[in-house]
N, C-alpha and C. Protein backbone atom coordinates (compact mmCIF):
# COMPACT_ATOMS: atom_id res chain seq x y z
N UNK A 1 8.00 25.55 0.37
CA UNK A 1 6.95 25.25 -0.60
C UNK A 1 7.00 23.78 -1.01
N UNK A 2 8.21 23.30 -1.29
CA UNK A 2 8.35 21.90 -1.69
C UNK A 2 7.95 20.97 -0.54
N UNK A 3 8.33 21.35 0.69
CA UNK A 3 7.99 20.50 1.83
C UNK A 3 6.47 20.49 2.06
N UNK A 4 5.82 21.62 1.78
CA UNK A 4 4.35 21.66 1.92
C UNK A 4 3.71 20.70 0.92
N UNK A 5 4.25 20.67 -0.29
CA UNK A 5 3.69 19.77 -1.31
C UNK A 5 3.88 18.32 -0.88
N UNK A 6 5.03 18.01 -0.31
CA UNK A 6 5.30 16.65 0.16
C UNK A 6 4.36 16.28 1.29
N UNK A 7 4.11 17.24 2.21
CA UNK A 7 3.20 16.99 3.32
C UNK A 7 1.80 16.72 2.80
N UNK A 8 1.38 17.49 1.80
CA UNK A 8 0.05 17.31 1.22
C UNK A 8 -0.04 15.93 0.57
N UNK A 9 1.02 15.54 -0.13
CA UNK A 9 1.04 14.23 -0.79
C UNK A 9 0.94 13.11 0.25
N UNK A 10 1.70 13.25 1.33
CA UNK A 10 1.66 12.25 2.40
C UNK A 10 0.27 12.19 3.03
N UNK A 11 -0.37 13.37 3.18
CA UNK A 11 -1.71 13.42 3.75
C UNK A 11 -2.71 12.70 2.85
N UNK A 12 -2.65 12.98 1.55
CA UNK A 12 -3.55 12.32 0.60
C UNK A 12 -3.31 10.81 0.61
N UNK A 13 -2.05 10.41 0.65
CA UNK A 13 -1.72 8.99 0.67
C UNK A 13 -2.28 8.32 1.93
N UNK A 14 -2.14 9.00 3.06
CA UNK A 14 -2.67 8.46 4.32
C UNK A 14 -4.18 8.31 4.26
N UNK A 15 -4.86 9.31 3.68
CA UNK A 15 -6.32 9.26 3.57
C UNK A 15 -6.74 8.08 2.70
N UNK A 16 -6.04 7.88 1.58
CA UNK A 16 -6.35 6.77 0.68
C UNK A 16 -6.18 5.43 1.41
N UNK A 17 -5.08 5.31 2.16
CA UNK A 17 -4.81 4.06 2.89
C UNK A 17 -5.90 3.82 3.93
N UNK A 18 -6.25 4.87 4.71
CA UNK A 18 -7.28 4.73 5.74
C UNK A 18 -8.62 4.40 5.10
N UNK A 19 -8.90 5.00 3.94
CA UNK A 19 -10.17 4.74 3.26
C UNK A 19 -10.26 3.27 2.85
N UNK A 20 -9.19 2.73 2.30
CA UNK A 20 -9.22 1.33 1.87
C UNK A 20 -9.29 0.39 3.07
N UNK A 21 -8.60 0.73 4.15
CA UNK A 21 -8.65 -0.09 5.36
C UNK A 21 -10.06 -0.10 5.91
N UNK A 22 -10.69 1.07 5.96
CA UNK A 22 -12.06 1.17 6.46
C UNK A 22 -13.03 0.42 5.56
N UNK A 23 -12.81 0.52 4.26
CA UNK A 23 -13.67 -0.17 3.30
C UNK A 23 -13.58 -1.69 3.48
N UNK A 24 -12.36 -2.20 3.60
CA UNK A 24 -12.16 -3.64 3.79
C UNK A 24 -12.79 -4.08 5.11
N UNK A 25 -12.63 -3.26 6.16
CA UNK A 25 -13.18 -3.62 7.47
C UNK A 25 -14.70 -3.68 7.42
N UNK A 26 -15.33 -2.70 6.78
CA UNK A 26 -16.79 -2.69 6.71
C UNK A 26 -17.29 -3.80 5.80
N UNK A 27 -16.53 -4.12 4.76
CA UNK A 27 -16.93 -5.20 3.86
C UNK A 27 -16.88 -6.53 4.62
N UNK A 28 -15.86 -6.72 5.42
CA UNK A 28 -15.76 -7.95 6.22
C UNK A 28 -16.89 -7.99 7.25
N UNK A 29 -17.19 -6.86 7.85
CA UNK A 29 -18.24 -6.80 8.87
C UNK A 29 -19.59 -7.14 8.25
N UNK A 30 -19.88 -6.62 7.08
CA UNK A 30 -21.16 -6.89 6.43
C UNK A 30 -21.23 -8.36 6.00
N UNK A 31 -20.10 -8.89 5.55
CA UNK A 31 -20.06 -10.32 5.17
C UNK A 31 -20.33 -11.18 6.41
N UNK A 32 -19.71 -10.79 7.51
CA UNK A 32 -19.85 -11.55 8.74
C UNK A 32 -21.30 -11.50 9.24
N UNK A 33 -21.93 -10.33 9.17
CA UNK A 33 -23.30 -10.19 9.65
C UNK A 33 -24.28 -10.91 8.71
N UNK A 34 -23.99 -10.93 7.42
CA UNK A 34 -24.88 -11.62 6.48
C UNK A 34 -24.77 -13.13 6.66
N UNK A 35 -23.60 -13.61 7.05
CA UNK A 35 -23.41 -15.03 7.31
C UNK A 35 -24.24 -15.42 8.54
N UNK A 36 -24.22 -14.56 9.55
CA UNK A 36 -25.05 -14.78 10.73
C UNK A 36 -26.51 -14.62 10.33
C-alpha cells in the first residue's frame, strides 16, 4: 500500500515535470514563430 502511494506520487511528479517542459517548449515555439 505504501509503495503504491509512492508510485502514485512519482507519477504525479513526472506529469507535472512533463507539463512544465511542454509548456516551456510551446512558449518558446510561439515566441520563435511570432519573431518570424
